[in-house]
């Protein structure tokens, strides 16, 4: 298993760390998932929680990982 709270998608691109937690549109993120995303962002990475496909794609576009 993986440590509790680790995001569903972990990416490294051009020496940067990205973490994306995927949730159903009415899903709920756990405290450990929020803590992981906060830690990623605090340490200079890029972390987000996306509710639904559109939000996930928006995050990846914002980060410059897809067009």
C-alpha atoms as a PDB file:
ATOM      1  CA  UNK A   1       0.000   0.000   0.000  1.00  0.00           C
ATOM      2  CA  UNK A   2       0.766   3.655  -0.161  1.00  0.00           C
ATOM      3  CA  UNK A   3       0.894   6.118   2.695  1.00  0.00           C
ATOM      4  CA  UNK A   4      -2.578   7.426   3.554  1.00  0.00           C
ATOM      5  CA  UNK A   5      -3.462  10.666   1.804  1.00  0.00           C
ATOM      6  CA  UNK A   6      -1.081  10.367  -1.143  1.00  0.00           C
ATOM      7  CA  UNK A   7      -2.745  11.736  -4.287  1.00  0.00           C
ATOM      8  CA  UNK A   8      -4.104   9.546  -7.080  1.00  0.00           C
ATOM      9  CA  UNK A   9      -1.805  11.066  -9.696  1.00  0.00           C
ATOM     10  CA  UNK A  10       1.820  11.932  -8.986  1.00  0.00           C
ATOM     11  CA  UNK A  11       3.876  13.482 -11.791  1.00  0.00           C
ATOM     12  CA  UNK A  12       7.400  14.800 -12.209  1.00  0.00           C
ATOM     13  CA  UNK A  13       7.963  17.164 -15.126  1.00  0.00           C
ATOM     14  CA  UNK A  14      10.983  19.389 -15.734  1.00  0.00           C
ATOM     15  CA  UNK A  15      12.186  18.918 -12.159  1.00  0.00           C
ATOM     16  CA  UNK A  16       8.808  19.886 -10.705  1.00  0.00           C
ATOM     17  CA  UNK A  17       6.509  17.746  -8.552  1.00  0.00           C
ATOM     18  CA  UNK A  18       2.756  17.590  -9.206  1.00  0.00           C
ATOM     19  CA  UNK A  19       0.050  15.853  -7.170  1.00  0.00           C
ATOM     20  CA  UNK A  20      -3.583  15.595  -8.241  1.00  0.00           C
ATOM     21  CA  UNK A  21      -6.268  14.012  -6.090  1.00  0.00           C
ATOM     22  CA  UNK A  22      -9.318  12.914  -8.073  1.00  0.00           C
ATOM     23  CA  UNK A  23     -12.810  13.035  -6.586  1.00  0.00           C
ATOM     24  CA  UNK A  24     -16.283  12.363  -7.927  1.00  0.00           C
ATOM     25  CA  UNK A  25     -18.267  15.593  -8.377  1.00  0.00           C
ATOM     26  CA  UNK A  26     -19.931  15.140  -4.970  1.00  0.00           C
ATOM     27  CA  UNK A  27     -17.006  13.328  -3.338  1.00  0.00           C
ATOM     28  CA  UNK A  28     -15.214  14.415  -0.186  1.00  0.00           C
ATOM     29  CA  UNK A  29     -11.480  14.684   0.418  1.00  0.00           C
ATOM     30  CA  UNK A  30     -10.171  13.237   3.676  1.00  0.00           C
ATOM     31  CA  UNK A  31      -8.101  15.214   6.162  1.00  0.00           C
ATOM     32  CA  UNK A  32      -5.016  13.217   5.183  1.00  0.00           C
ATOM     33  CA  UNK A  33      -5.583  14.038   1.504  1.00  0.00           C
ATOM     34  CA  UNK A  34      -5.883  17.751   2.292  1.00  0.00           C
ATOM     35  CA  UNK A  35      -2.750  17.521   4.450  1.00  0.00           C
ATOM     36  CA  UNK A  36      -0.806  15.879   1.608  1.00  0.00           C
ATOM     37  CA  UNK A  37      -1.870  18.574  -0.892  1.00  0.00           C
ATOM     38  CA  UNK A  38      -0.986  21.308   1.632  1.00  0.00           C
ATOM     39  CA  UNK A  39       2.457  19.754   2.173  1.00  0.00           C
ATOM     40  CA  UNK A  40       3.111  19.524  -1.574  1.00  0.00           C
ATOM     41  CA  UNK A  41       2.247  23.195  -2.066  1.00  0.00           C
ATOM     42  CA  UNK A  42       4.133  24.319   1.044  1.00  0.00           C
ATOM     43  CA  UNK A  43       7.304  22.587  -0.194  1.00  0.00           C
ATOM     44  CA  UNK A  44       7.180  24.246  -3.618  1.00  0.00           C
ATOM     45  CA  UNK A  45       5.308  21.586  -5.580  1.00  0.00           C
ATOM     46  CA  UNK A  46       1.947  21.839  -7.257  1.00  0.00           C
ATOM     47  CA  UNK A  47      -0.962  20.088  -5.610  1.00  0.00           C
ATOM     48  CA  UNK A  48      -4.693  20.188  -6.150  1.00  0.00           C
ATOM     49  CA  UNK A  49      -7.899  18.287  -5.580  1.00  0.00           C
ATOM     50  CA  UNK A  50     -10.204  18.026  -8.580  1.00  0.00           C
ATOM     51  CA  UNK A  51     -13.898  17.232  -8.397  1.00  0.00           C
ATOM     52  CA  UNK A  52     -14.794  15.692 -11.754  1.00  0.00           C
ATOM     53  CA  UNK A  53     -13.015  15.406 -15.079  1.00  0.00           C
ATOM     54  CA  UNK A  54     -13.315  19.075 -16.048  1.00  0.00           C
ATOM     55  CA  UNK A  55     -11.547  20.254 -12.889  1.00  0.00           C
ATOM     56  CA  UNK A  56      -8.828  17.640 -13.333  1.00  0.00           C
ATOM     57  CA  UNK A  57      -8.192  18.755 -16.909  1.00  0.00           C
ATOM     58  CA  UNK A  58      -8.227  22.418 -15.816  1.00  0.00           C
ATOM     59  CA  UNK A  59      -5.538  21.724 -13.206  1.00  0.00           C
ATOM     60  CA  UNK A  60      -3.335  19.910 -15.726  1.00  0.00           C
ATOM     61  CA  UNK A  61      -3.766  22.795 -18.201  1.00  0.00           C
ATOM     62  CA  UNK A  62      -3.010  25.403 -15.519  1.00  0.00           C
ATOM     63  CA  UNK A  63       0.181  23.556 -14.671  1.00  0.00           C
ATOM     64  CA  UNK A  64       1.173  23.474 -18.351  1.00  0.00           C
ATOM     65  CA  UNK A  65       1.140  19.686 -18.515  1.00  0.00           C
ATOM     66  CA  UNK A  66      -1.488  19.466 -21.277  1.00  0.00           C
ATOM     67  CA  UNK A  67      -2.873  21.874 -23.851  1.00  0.00           C
END
